[in-house]
mmCIF file of all heavy atoms, coordinates in Angstrom:
data_MODEL
# 
_entry.id   MODEL 
# 
loop_
_atom_site.group_PDB 
_atom_site.id 
_atom_site.type_symbol 
_atom_site.label_atom_id 
_atom_site.label_alt_id 
_atom_site.label_comp_id 
_atom_site.label_asym_id 
_atom_site.label_entity_id 
_atom_site.label_seq_id 
_atom_site.pdbx_PDB_ins_code 
_atom_site.Cartn_x 
_atom_site.Cartn_y 
_atom_site.Cartn_z 
_atom_site.occupancy 
_atom_site.B_iso_or_equiv 
_atom_site.pdbx_formal_charge 
_atom_site.auth_seq_id 
_atom_site.auth_comp_id 
_atom_site.auth_asym_id 
_atom_site.auth_atom_id 
_atom_site.pdbx_PDB_model_num 
ATOM 1   N N   . GLU A 1 1  ? 180.105 184.422 89.310  1.00 0.00 ? 1  GLU A N   1 
ATOM 2   C CA  . GLU A 1 1  ? 180.291 182.991 89.056  1.00 0.00 ? 1  GLU A CA  1 
ATOM 3   C C   . GLU A 1 1  ? 179.297 182.162 89.861  1.00 0.00 ? 1  GLU A C   1 
ATOM 4   O O   . GLU A 1 1  ? 178.772 181.155 89.378  1.00 0.00 ? 1  GLU A O   1 
ATOM 5   C CB  . GLU A 1 1  ? 181.722 182.589 89.407  1.00 0.00 ? 1  GLU A CB  1 
ATOM 6   C CG  . GLU A 1 1  ? 182.052 181.151 89.020  1.00 0.00 ? 1  GLU A CG  1 
ATOM 7   C CD  . GLU A 1 1  ? 183.510 180.828 89.274  1.00 0.00 ? 1  GLU A CD  1 
ATOM 8   O OE1 . GLU A 1 1  ? 184.294 181.775 89.546  1.00 0.00 ? 1  GLU A OE1 1 
ATOM 9   O OE2 . GLU A 1 1  ? 183.856 179.641 89.216  1.00 0.00 ? 1  GLU A OE2 1 
ATOM 10  N N   . ARG A 1 2  ? 179.055 182.583 91.128  1.00 0.00 ? 2  ARG A N   1 
ATOM 11  C CA  . ARG A 1 2  ? 178.055 181.873 91.933  1.00 0.00 ? 2  ARG A CA  1 
ATOM 12  C C   . ARG A 1 2  ? 176.679 181.944 91.275  1.00 0.00 ? 2  ARG A C   1 
ATOM 13  O O   . ARG A 1 2  ? 175.910 180.986 91.297  1.00 0.00 ? 2  ARG A O   1 
ATOM 14  C CB  . ARG A 1 2  ? 178.003 182.469 93.346  1.00 0.00 ? 2  ARG A CB  1 
ATOM 15  C CG  . ARG A 1 2  ? 179.184 182.092 94.220  1.00 0.00 ? 2  ARG A CG  1 
ATOM 16  C CD  . ARG A 1 2  ? 178.834 182.306 95.693  1.00 0.00 ? 2  ARG A CD  1 
ATOM 17  N NE  . ARG A 1 2  ? 178.507 183.703 95.957  1.00 0.00 ? 2  ARG A NE  1 
ATOM 18  C CZ  . ARG A 1 2  ? 179.389 184.606 96.334  1.00 0.00 ? 2  ARG A CZ  1 
ATOM 19  N NH1 . ARG A 1 2  ? 180.682 184.260 96.479  1.00 0.00 ? 2  ARG A NH1 1 
ATOM 20  N NH2 . ARG A 1 2  ? 179.032 185.855 96.577  1.00 0.00 ? 2  ARG A NH2 1 
ATOM 21  N N   . ALA A 1 3  ? 176.362 183.089 90.707  1.00 0.00 ? 3  ALA A N   1 
ATOM 22  C CA  . ALA A 1 3  ? 175.066 183.259 90.048  1.00 0.00 ? 3  ALA A CA  1 
ATOM 23  C C   . ALA A 1 3  ? 174.938 182.327 88.848  1.00 0.00 ? 3  ALA A C   1 
ATOM 24  O O   . ALA A 1 3  ? 173.853 181.817 88.559  1.00 0.00 ? 3  ALA A O   1 
ATOM 25  C CB  . ALA A 1 3  ? 174.881 184.707 89.612  1.00 0.00 ? 3  ALA A CB  1 
ATOM 26  N N   . ARG A 1 4  ? 176.067 182.088 88.142  1.00 0.00 ? 4  ARG A N   1 
ATOM 27  C CA  . ARG A 1 4  ? 176.012 181.202 86.977  1.00 0.00 ? 4  ARG A CA  1 
ATOM 28  C C   . ARG A 1 4  ? 175.891 179.741 87.387  1.00 0.00 ? 4  ARG A C   1 
ATOM 29  O O   . ARG A 1 4  ? 175.247 178.951 86.714  1.00 0.00 ? 4  ARG A O   1 
ATOM 30  C CB  . ARG A 1 4  ? 177.268 181.400 86.117  1.00 0.00 ? 4  ARG A CB  1 
ATOM 31  C CG  . ARG A 1 4  ? 177.288 182.703 85.320  1.00 0.00 ? 4  ARG A CG  1 
ATOM 32  C CD  . ARG A 1 4  ? 178.354 182.664 84.248  1.00 0.00 ? 4  ARG A CD  1 
ATOM 33  N NE  . ARG A 1 4  ? 179.687 182.486 84.816  1.00 0.00 ? 4  ARG A NE  1 
ATOM 34  C CZ  . ARG A 1 4  ? 180.491 183.476 85.186  1.00 0.00 ? 4  ARG A CZ  1 
ATOM 35  N NH1 . ARG A 1 4  ? 180.079 184.738 85.034  1.00 0.00 ? 4  ARG A NH1 1 
ATOM 36  N NH2 . ARG A 1 4  ? 181.685 183.233 85.686  1.00 0.00 ? 4  ARG A NH2 1 
ATOM 37  N N   . THR A 1 5  ? 176.545 179.377 88.490  1.00 0.00 ? 5  THR A N   1 
ATOM 38  C CA  . THR A 1 5  ? 176.527 177.967 88.894  1.00 0.00 ? 5  THR A CA  1 
ATOM 39  C C   . THR A 1 5  ? 175.287 177.583 89.689  1.00 0.00 ? 5  THR A C   1 
ATOM 40  O O   . THR A 1 5  ? 174.971 176.402 89.806  1.00 0.00 ? 5  THR A O   1 
ATOM 41  C CB  . THR A 1 5  ? 177.769 177.645 89.737  1.00 0.00 ? 5  THR A CB  1 
ATOM 42  O OG1 . THR A 1 5  ? 177.781 178.487 90.901  1.00 0.00 ? 5  THR A OG1 1 
ATOM 43  C CG2 . THR A 1 5  ? 179.036 177.867 88.917  1.00 0.00 ? 5  THR A CG2 1 
ATOM 44  N N   . LEU A 1 6  ? 174.580 178.569 90.241  1.00 0.00 ? 6  LEU A N   1 
ATOM 45  C CA  . LEU A 1 6  ? 173.399 178.255 91.056  1.00 0.00 ? 6  LEU A CA  1 
ATOM 46  C C   . LEU A 1 6  ? 172.334 177.485 90.289  1.00 0.00 ? 6  LEU A C   1 
ATOM 47  O O   . LEU A 1 6  ? 171.834 176.465 90.794  1.00 0.00 ? 6  LEU A O   1 
ATOM 48  C CB  . LEU A 1 6  ? 172.815 179.551 91.635  1.00 0.00 ? 6  LEU A CB  1 
ATOM 49  C CG  . LEU A 1 6  ? 171.584 179.375 92.531  1.00 0.00 ? 6  LEU A CG  1 
ATOM 50  C CD1 . LEU A 1 6  ? 171.913 178.473 93.718  1.00 0.00 ? 6  LEU A CD1 1 
ATOM 51  C CD2 . LEU A 1 6  ? 171.065 180.732 92.995  1.00 0.00 ? 6  LEU A CD2 1 
ATOM 52  N N   . PRO A 1 7  ? 171.952 177.895 89.067  1.00 0.00 ? 7  PRO A N   1 
ATOM 53  C CA  . PRO A 1 7  ? 170.937 177.108 88.345  1.00 0.00 ? 7  PRO A CA  1 
ATOM 54  C C   . PRO A 1 7  ? 171.374 175.677 88.081  1.00 0.00 ? 7  PRO A C   1 
ATOM 55  O O   . PRO A 1 7  ? 170.564 174.749 88.141  1.00 0.00 ? 7  PRO A O   1 
ATOM 56  C CB  . PRO A 1 7  ? 170.768 177.896 87.036  1.00 0.00 ? 7  PRO A CB  1 
ATOM 57  C CG  . PRO A 1 7  ? 171.201 179.278 87.362  1.00 0.00 ? 7  PRO A CG  1 
ATOM 58  C CD  . PRO A 1 7  ? 172.312 179.113 88.351  1.00 0.00 ? 7  PRO A CD  1 
ATOM 59  N N   . VAL A 1 8  ? 172.674 175.493 87.803  1.00 0.00 ? 8  VAL A N   1 
ATOM 60  C CA  . VAL A 1 8  ? 173.178 174.140 87.550  1.00 0.00 ? 8  VAL A CA  1 
ATOM 61  C C   . VAL A 1 8  ? 173.041 173.283 88.800  1.00 0.00 ? 8  VAL A C   1 
ATOM 62  O O   . VAL A 1 8  ? 172.619 172.123 88.746  1.00 0.00 ? 8  VAL A O   1 
ATOM 63  C CB  . VAL A 1 8  ? 174.653 174.203 87.095  1.00 0.00 ? 8  VAL A CB  1 
ATOM 64  C CG1 . VAL A 1 8  ? 175.224 172.791 86.941  1.00 0.00 ? 8  VAL A CG1 1 
ATOM 65  C CG2 . VAL A 1 8  ? 174.761 174.972 85.782  1.00 0.00 ? 8  VAL A CG2 1 
ATOM 66  N N   . ARG A 1 9  ? 173.401 173.853 89.937  1.00 0.00 ? 9  ARG A N   1 
ATOM 67  C CA  . ARG A 1 9  ? 173.283 173.097 91.187  1.00 0.00 ? 9  ARG A CA  1 
ATOM 68  C C   . ARG A 1 9  ? 171.837 172.793 91.526  1.00 0.00 ? 9  ARG A C   1 
ATOM 69  O O   . ARG A 1 9  ? 171.521 171.706 92.021  1.00 0.00 ? 9  ARG A O   1 
ATOM 70  C CB  . ARG A 1 9  ? 173.939 173.880 92.329  1.00 0.00 ? 9  ARG A CB  1 
ATOM 71  C CG  . ARG A 1 9  ? 175.463 173.803 92.310  1.00 0.00 ? 9  ARG A CG  1 
ATOM 72  C CD  . ARG A 1 9  ? 176.067 174.475 93.512  1.00 0.00 ? 9  ARG A CD  1 
ATOM 73  N NE  . ARG A 1 9  ? 175.931 175.931 93.444  1.00 0.00 ? 9  ARG A NE  1 
ATOM 74  C CZ  . ARG A 1 9  ? 176.298 176.752 94.406  1.00 0.00 ? 9  ARG A CZ  1 
ATOM 75  N NH1 . ARG A 1 9  ? 176.785 176.269 95.545  1.00 0.00 ? 9  ARG A NH1 1 
ATOM 76  N NH2 . ARG A 1 9  ? 176.172 178.057 94.272  1.00 0.00 ? 9  ARG A NH2 1 
ATOM 77  N N   . LEU A 1 10 ? 170.943 173.731 91.251  1.00 0.00 ? 10 LEU A N   1 
ATOM 78  C CA  . LEU A 1 10 ? 169.520 173.485 91.505  1.00 0.00 ? 10 LEU A CA  1 
ATOM 79  C C   . LEU A 1 10 ? 168.999 172.359 90.632  1.00 0.00 ? 10 LEU A C   1 
ATOM 80  O O   . LEU A 1 10 ? 168.221 171.508 91.090  1.00 0.00 ? 10 LEU A O   1 
ATOM 81  C CB  . LEU A 1 10 ? 168.727 174.770 91.257  1.00 0.00 ? 10 LEU A CB  1 
ATOM 82  C CG  . LEU A 1 10 ? 168.934 175.900 92.270  1.00 0.00 ? 10 LEU A CG  1 
ATOM 83  C CD1 . LEU A 1 10 ? 168.160 177.139 91.841  1.00 0.00 ? 10 LEU A CD1 1 
ATOM 84  C CD2 . LEU A 1 10 ? 168.495 175.466 93.665  1.00 0.00 ? 10 LEU A CD2 1 
ATOM 85  N N   . VAL A 1 11 ? 169.420 172.349 89.365  1.00 0.00 ? 11 VAL A N   1 
ATOM 86  C CA  . VAL A 1 11 ? 168.999 171.272 88.467  1.00 0.00 ? 11 VAL A CA  1 
ATOM 87  C C   . VAL A 1 11 ? 169.518 169.937 88.964  1.00 0.00 ? 11 VAL A C   1 
ATOM 88  O O   . VAL A 1 11 ? 168.806 168.927 88.966  1.00 0.00 ? 11 VAL A O   1 
ATOM 89  C CB  . VAL A 1 11 ? 169.479 171.549 87.028  1.00 0.00 ? 11 VAL A CB  1 
ATOM 90  C CG1 . VAL A 1 11 ? 169.282 170.317 86.147  1.00 0.00 ? 11 VAL A CG1 1 
ATOM 91  C CG2 . VAL A 1 11 ? 168.742 172.738 86.439  1.00 0.00 ? 11 VAL A CG2 1 
ATOM 92  N N   . ARG A 1 12 ? 170.771 169.913 89.405  1.00 0.00 ? 12 ARG A N   1 
ATOM 93  C CA  . ARG A 1 12 ? 171.348 168.669 89.909  1.00 0.00 ? 12 ARG A CA  1 
ATOM 94  C C   . ARG A 1 12 ? 170.609 168.177 91.152  1.00 0.00 ? 12 ARG A C   1 
ATOM 95  O O   . ARG A 1 12 ? 170.326 166.984 91.289  1.00 0.00 ? 12 ARG A O   1 
ATOM 96  C CB  . ARG A 1 12 ? 172.826 168.870 90.223  1.00 0.00 ? 12 ARG A CB  1 
ATOM 97  C CG  . ARG A 1 12 ? 173.715 169.010 88.987  1.00 0.00 ? 12 ARG A CG  1 
ATOM 98  C CD  . ARG A 1 12 ? 175.144 169.315 89.375  1.00 0.00 ? 12 ARG A CD  1 
ATOM 99  N NE  . ARG A 1 12 ? 176.007 169.400 88.198  1.00 0.00 ? 12 ARG A NE  1 
ATOM 100 C CZ  . ARG A 1 12 ? 177.279 169.796 88.235  1.00 0.00 ? 12 ARG A CZ  1 
ATOM 101 N NH1 . ARG A 1 12 ? 177.831 170.160 89.404  1.00 0.00 ? 12 ARG A NH1 1 
ATOM 102 N NH2 . ARG A 1 12 ? 178.003 169.843 87.140  1.00 0.00 ? 12 ARG A NH2 1 
ATOM 103 N N   . TRP A 1 13 ? 170.331 169.112 92.061  1.00 0.00 ? 13 TRP A N   1 
ATOM 104 C CA  . TRP A 1 13 ? 169.581 168.727 93.259  1.00 0.00 ? 13 TRP A CA  1 
ATOM 105 C C   . TRP A 1 13 ? 168.183 168.236 92.890  1.00 0.00 ? 13 TRP A C   1 
ATOM 106 O O   . TRP A 1 13 ? 167.685 167.258 93.463  1.00 0.00 ? 13 TRP A O   1 
ATOM 107 C CB  . TRP A 1 13 ? 169.485 169.904 94.221  1.00 0.00 ? 13 TRP A CB  1 
ATOM 108 C CG  . TRP A 1 13 ? 170.669 170.036 95.117  1.00 0.00 ? 13 TRP A CG  1 
ATOM 109 C CD1 . TRP A 1 13 ? 171.656 170.978 95.050  1.00 0.00 ? 13 TRP A CD1 1 
ATOM 110 C CD2 . TRP A 1 13 ? 171.009 169.188 96.205  1.00 0.00 ? 13 TRP A CD2 1 
ATOM 111 N NE1 . TRP A 1 13 ? 172.599 170.770 96.032  1.00 0.00 ? 13 TRP A NE1 1 
ATOM 112 C CE2 . TRP A 1 13 ? 172.223 169.676 96.768  1.00 0.00 ? 13 TRP A CE2 1 
ATOM 113 C CE3 . TRP A 1 13 ? 170.428 168.059 96.769  1.00 0.00 ? 13 TRP A CE3 1 
ATOM 114 C CZ2 . TRP A 1 13 ? 172.844 169.079 97.855  1.00 0.00 ? 13 TRP A CZ2 1 
ATOM 115 C CZ3 . TRP A 1 13 ? 171.049 167.464 97.865  1.00 0.00 ? 13 TRP A CZ3 1 
ATOM 116 C CH2 . TRP A 1 13 ? 172.235 167.964 98.389  1.00 0.00 ? 13 TRP A CH2 1 
ATOM 117 N N   . GLY A 1 14 ? 167.553 168.903 91.937  1.00 0.00 ? 14 GLY A N   1 
ATOM 118 C CA  . GLY A 1 14 ? 166.222 168.474 91.498  1.00 0.00 ? 14 GLY A CA  1 
ATOM 119 C C   . GLY A 1 14 ? 166.246 167.087 90.909  1.00 0.00 ? 14 GLY A C   1 
ATOM 120 O O   . GLY A 1 14 ? 165.380 166.256 91.212  1.00 0.00 ? 14 GLY A O   1 
ATOM 121 N N   . LEU A 1 15 ? 167.252 166.813 90.056  1.00 0.00 ? 15 LEU A N   1 
ATOM 122 C CA  . LEU A 1 15 ? 167.374 165.478 89.459  1.00 0.00 ? 15 LEU A CA  1 
ATOM 123 C C   . LEU A 1 15 ? 167.639 164.429 90.536  1.00 0.00 ? 15 LEU A C   1 
ATOM 124 O O   . LEU A 1 15 ? 167.095 163.321 90.474  1.00 0.00 ? 15 LEU A O   1 
ATOM 125 C CB  . LEU A 1 15 ? 168.503 165.469 88.427  1.00 0.00 ? 15 LEU A CB  1 
ATOM 126 C CG  . LEU A 1 15 ? 168.220 166.192 87.108  1.00 0.00 ? 15 LEU A CG  1 
ATOM 127 C CD1 . LEU A 1 15 ? 169.473 166.220 86.234  1.00 0.00 ? 15 LEU A CD1 1 
ATOM 128 C CD2 . LEU A 1 15 ? 167.068 165.532 86.363  1.00 0.00 ? 15 LEU A CD2 1 
ATOM 129 N N   . ALA A 1 16 ? 168.470 164.773 91.498  1.00 0.00 ? 16 ALA A N   1 
ATOM 130 C CA  . ALA A 1 16 ? 168.764 163.818 92.577  1.00 0.00 ? 16 ALA A CA  1 
ATOM 131 C C   . ALA A 1 16 ? 167.507 163.490 93.370  1.00 0.00 ? 16 ALA A C   1 
ATOM 132 O O   . ALA A 1 16 ? 167.274 162.328 93.740  1.00 0.00 ? 16 ALA A O   1 
ATOM 133 C CB  . ALA A 1 16 ? 169.840 164.395 93.493  1.00 0.00 ? 16 ALA A CB  1 
ATOM 134 N N   . ILE A 1 17 ? 166.682 164.490 93.642  1.00 0.00 ? 17 ILE A N   1 
ATOM 135 C CA  . ILE A 1 17 ? 165.439 164.262 94.384  1.00 0.00 ? 17 ILE A CA  1 
ATOM 136 C C   . ILE A 1 17 ? 164.490 163.385 93.578  1.00 0.00 ? 17 ILE A C   1 
ATOM 137 O O   . ILE A 1 17 ? 163.891 162.437 94.105  1.00 0.00 ? 17 ILE A O   1 
ATOM 138 C CB  . ILE A 1 17 ? 164.780 165.610 94.737  1.00 0.00 ? 17 ILE A CB  1 
ATOM 139 C CG1 . ILE A 1 17 ? 165.628 166.356 95.767  1.00 0.00 ? 17 ILE A CG1 1 
ATOM 140 C CG2 . ILE A 1 17 ? 163.364 165.389 95.276  1.00 0.00 ? 17 ILE A CG2 1 
ATOM 141 C CD1 . ILE A 1 17 ? 165.172 167.778 96.034  1.00 0.00 ? 17 ILE A CD1 1 
ATOM 142 N N   . VAL A 1 18 ? 164.351 163.678 92.274  1.00 0.00 ? 18 VAL A N   1 
ATOM 143 C CA  . VAL A 1 18 ? 163.458 162.889 91.422  1.00 0.00 ? 18 VAL A CA  1 
ATOM 144 C C   . VAL A 1 18 ? 163.922 161.441 91.360  1.00 0.00 ? 18 VAL A C   1 
ATOM 145 O O   . VAL A 1 18 ? 163.122 160.504 91.500  1.00 0.00 ? 18 VAL A O   1 
ATOM 146 C CB  . VAL A 1 18 ? 163.385 163.502 90.012  1.00 0.00 ? 18 VAL A CB  1 
ATOM 147 C CG1 . VAL A 1 18 ? 162.666 162.558 89.054  1.00 0.00 ? 18 VAL A CG1 1 
ATOM 148 C CG2 . VAL A 1 18 ? 162.670 164.851 90.055  1.00 0.00 ? 18 VAL A CG2 1 
ATOM 149 N N   . ILE A 1 19 ? 165.222 161.244 91.147  1.00 0.00 ? 19 ILE A N   1 
ATOM 150 C CA  . ILE A 1 19 ? 165.756 159.881 91.081  1.00 0.00 ? 19 ILE A CA  1 
ATOM 151 C C   . ILE A 1 19 ? 165.548 159.156 92.409  1.00 0.00 ? 19 ILE A C   1 
ATOM 152 O O   . ILE A 1 19 ? 165.197 157.974 92.452  1.00 0.00 ? 19 ILE A O   1 
ATOM 153 C CB  . ILE A 1 19 ? 167.248 159.918 90.696  1.00 0.00 ? 19 ILE A CB  1 
ATOM 154 C CG1 . ILE A 1 19 ? 167.404 160.409 89.252  1.00 0.00 ? 19 ILE A CG1 1 
ATOM 155 C CG2 . ILE A 1 19 ? 167.883 158.534 90.850  1.00 0.00 ? 19 ILE A CG2 1 
ATOM 156 C CD1 . ILE A 1 19 ? 168.837 160.666 88.847  1.00 0.00 ? 19 ILE A CD1 1 
ATOM 157 N N   . GLY A 1 20 ? 165.756 159.883 93.505  1.00 0.00 ? 20 GLY A N   1 
ATOM 158 C CA  . GLY A 1 20 ? 165.540 159.274 94.821  1.00 0.00 ? 20 GLY A CA  1 
ATOM 159 C C   . GLY A 1 20 ? 164.100 158.840 95.025  1.00 0.00 ? 20 GLY A C   1 
ATOM 160 O O   . GLY A 1 20 ? 163.844 157.753 95.551  1.00 0.00 ? 20 GLY A O   1 
ATOM 161 N N   . LEU A 1 21 ? 163.158 159.673 94.596  1.00 0.00 ? 21 LEU A N   1 
ATOM 162 C CA  . LEU A 1 21 ? 161.746 159.326 94.735  1.00 0.00 ? 21 LEU A CA  1 
ATOM 163 C C   . LEU A 1 21 ? 161.386 158.127 93.870  1.00 0.00 ? 21 LEU A C   1 
ATOM 164 O O   . LEU A 1 21 ? 160.559 157.294 94.254  1.00 0.00 ? 21 LEU A O   1 
ATOM 165 C CB  . LEU A 1 21 ? 160.882 160.531 94.367  1.00 0.00 ? 21 LEU A CB  1 
ATOM 166 C CG  . LEU A 1 21 ? 160.919 161.707 95.347  1.00 0.00 ? 21 LEU A CG  1 
ATOM 167 C CD1 . LEU A 1 21 ? 160.120 162.879 94.801  1.00 0.00 ? 21 LEU A CD1 1 
ATOM 168 C CD2 . LEU A 1 21 ? 160.380 161.298 96.711  1.00 0.00 ? 21 LEU A CD2 1 
ATOM 169 N N   . ILE A 1 22 ? 161.994 158.036 92.686  1.00 0.00 ? 22 ILE A N   1 
ATOM 170 C CA  . ILE A 1 22 ? 161.722 156.907 91.801  1.00 0.00 ? 22 ILE A CA  1 
ATOM 171 C C   . ILE A 1 22 ? 162.284 155.618 92.382  1.00 0.00 ? 22 ILE A C   1 
ATOM 172 O O   . ILE A 1 22 ? 161.656 154.555 92.311  1.00 0.00 ? 22 ILE A O   1 
ATOM 173 C CB  . ILE A 1 22 ? 162.308 157.169 90.390  1.00 0.00 ? 22 ILE A CB  1 
ATOM 174 C CG1 . ILE A 1 22 ? 161.529 158.295 89.703  1.00 0.00 ? 22 ILE A CG1 1 
ATOM 175 C CG2 . ILE A 1 22 ? 162.260 155.899 89.531  1.00 0.00 ? 22 ILE A CG2 1 
ATOM 176 C CD1 . ILE A 1 22 ? 162.119 158.728 88.383  1.00 0.00 ? 22 ILE A CD1 1 
ATOM 177 N N   . LEU A 1 23 ? 163.456 155.700 92.993  1.00 0.00 ? 23 LEU A N   1 
ATOM 178 C CA  . LEU A 1 23 ? 164.107 154.503 93.530  1.00 0.00 ? 23 LEU A CA  1 
ATOM 179 C C   . LEU A 1 23 ? 163.541 154.069 94.879  1.00 0.00 ? 23 LEU A C   1 
ATOM 180 O O   . LEU A 1 23 ? 163.654 152.901 95.246  1.00 0.00 ? 23 LEU A O   1 
ATOM 181 C CB  . LEU A 1 23 ? 165.613 154.743 93.674  1.00 0.00 ? 23 LEU A CB  1 
ATOM 182 C CG  . LEU A 1 23 ? 166.396 154.904 92.371  1.00 0.00 ? 23 LEU A CG  1 
ATOM 183 C CD1 . LEU A 1 23 ? 167.861 155.170 92.680  1.00 0.00 ? 23 LEU A CD1 1 
ATOM 184 C CD2 . LEU A 1 23 ? 166.251 153.669 91.494  1.00 0.00 ? 23 LEU A CD2 1 
ATOM 185 N N   . LEU A 1 24 ? 162.925 154.989 95.613  1.00 0.00 ? 24 LEU A N   1 
ATOM 186 C CA  . LEU A 1 24 ? 162.444 154.680 96.955  1.00 0.00 ? 24 LEU A CA  1 
ATOM 187 C C   . LEU A 1 24 ? 161.519 153.463 97.001  1.00 0.00 ? 24 LEU A C   1 
ATOM 188 O O   . LEU A 1 24 ? 161.697 152.593 97.874  1.00 0.00 ? 24 LEU A O   1 
ATOM 189 C CB  . LEU A 1 24 ? 161.745 155.904 97.554  1.00 0.00 ? 24 LEU A CB  1 
ATOM 190 C CG  . LEU A 1 24 ? 161.249 155.760 98.985  1.00 0.00 ? 24 LEU A CG  1 
ATOM 191 C CD1 . LEU A 1 24 ? 162.415 155.458 99.931  1.00 0.00 ? 24 LEU A CD1 1 
ATOM 192 C CD2 . LEU A 1 24 ? 160.516 157.023 99.431  1.00 0.00 ? 24 LEU A CD2 1 
ATOM 193 N N   . PRO A 1 25 ? 160.511 153.339 96.103  1.00 0.00 ? 25 PRO A N   1 
ATOM 194 C CA  . PRO A 1 25 ? 159.658 152.145 96.165  1.00 0.00 ? 25 PRO A CA  1 
ATOM 195 C C   . PRO A 1 25 ? 160.433 150.836 95.992  1.00 0.00 ? 25 PRO A C   1 
ATOM 196 O O   . PRO A 1 25 ? 160.087 149.817 96.605  1.00 0.00 ? 25 PRO A O   1 
ATOM 197 C CB  . PRO A 1 25 ? 158.678 152.356 95.003  1.00 0.00 ? 25 PRO A CB  1 
ATOM 198 C CG  . PRO A 1 25 ? 158.649 153.829 94.811  1.00 0.00 ? 25 PRO A CG  1 
ATOM 199 C CD  . PRO A 1 25 ? 160.033 154.292 95.099  1.00 0.00 ? 25 PRO A CD  1 
ATOM 200 N N   . TYR A 1 26 ? 161.474 150.857 95.179  1.00 0.00 ? 26 TYR A N   1 
ATOM 201 C CA  . TYR A 1 26 ? 162.272 149.648 94.971  1.00 0.00 ? 26 TYR A CA  1 
ATOM 202 C C   . TYR A 1 26 ? 163.027 149.270 96.245  1.00 0.00 ? 26 TYR A C   1 
ATOM 203 O O   . TYR A 1 26 ? 163.247 148.088 96.522  1.00 0.00 ? 26 TYR A O   1 
ATOM 204 C CB  . TYR A 1 26 ? 163.248 149.868 93.818  1.00 0.00 ? 26 TYR A CB  1 
ATOM 205 C CG  . TYR A 1 26 ? 162.560 150.023 92.481  1.00 0.00 ? 26 TYR A CG  1 
ATOM 206 C CD1 . TYR A 1 26 ? 162.107 151.266 92.056  1.00 0.00 ? 26 TYR A CD1 1 
ATOM 207 C CD2 . TYR A 1 26 ? 162.346 148.922 91.654  1.00 0.00 ? 26 TYR A CD2 1 
ATOM 208 C CE1 . TYR A 1 26 ? 161.457 151.416 90.831  1.00 0.00 ? 26 TYR A CE1 1 
ATOM 209 C CE2 . TYR A 1 26 ? 161.697 149.060 90.436  1.00 0.00 ? 26 TYR A CE2 1 
ATOM 210 C CZ  . TYR A 1 26 ? 161.252 150.305 90.033  1.00 0.00 ? 26 TYR A CZ  1 
ATOM 211 O OH  . TYR A 1 26 ? 160.595 150.447 88.841  1.00 0.00 ? 26 TYR A OH  1 
ATOM 212 N N   . LEU A 1 27 ? 163.420 150.267 97.010  1.00 0.00 ? 27 LEU A N   1 
ATOM 213 C CA  . LEU A 1 27 ? 164.103 150.003 98.275  1.00 0.00 ? 27 LEU A CA  1 
ATOM 214 C C   . LEU A 1 27 ? 163.135 149.555 99.359  1.00 0.00 ? 27 LEU A C   1 
ATOM 215 O O   . LEU A 1 27 ? 163.483 148.747 100.231 1.00 0.00 ? 27 LEU A O   1 
ATOM 216 C CB  . LEU A 1 27 ? 164.854 151.263 98.734  1.00 0.00 ? 27 LEU A CB  1 
ATOM 217 C CG  . LEU A 1 27 ? 165.929 151.791 97.780  1.00 0.00 ? 27 LEU A CG  1 
ATOM 218 C CD1 . LEU A 1 27 ? 166.506 153.102 98.303  1.00 0.00 ? 27 LEU A CD1 1 
ATOM 219 C CD2 . LEU A 1 27 ? 167.031 150.764 97.582  1.00 0.00 ? 27 LEU A CD2 1 
ATOM 220 N N   . LEU A 1 28 ? 161.900 150.076 99.302  1.00 0.00 ? 28 LEU A N   1 
ATOM 221 C CA  . LEU A 1 28 ? 160.912 149.736 100.329 1.00 0.00 ? 28 LEU A CA  1 
ATOM 222 C C   . LEU A 1 28 ? 160.285 148.361 100.105 1.00 0.00 ? 28 LEU A C   1 
ATOM 223 O O   . LEU A 1 28 ? 159.873 147.714 101.066 1.00 0.00 ? 28 LEU A O   1 
ATOM 224 C CB  . LEU A 1 28 ? 159.808 150.791 100.347 1.00 0.00 ? 28 LEU A CB  1 
ATOM 225 C CG  . LEU A 1 28 ? 160.168 152.172 100.884 1.00 0.00 ? 28 LEU A CG  1 
ATOM 226 C CD1 . LEU A 1 28 ? 158.990 153.122 100.736 1.00 0.00 ? 28 LEU A CD1 1 
ATOM 227 C CD2 . LEU A 1 28 ? 160.598 152.091 102.346 1.00 0.00 ? 28 LEU A CD2 1 
# 
């Protein structure tokens, strides 16, 4: 089960990082 959920969590973390990078200039 951990093996199945790992890709999903990686995708979520990747999306969170991308969104954070996009929003950072607006905050700065």
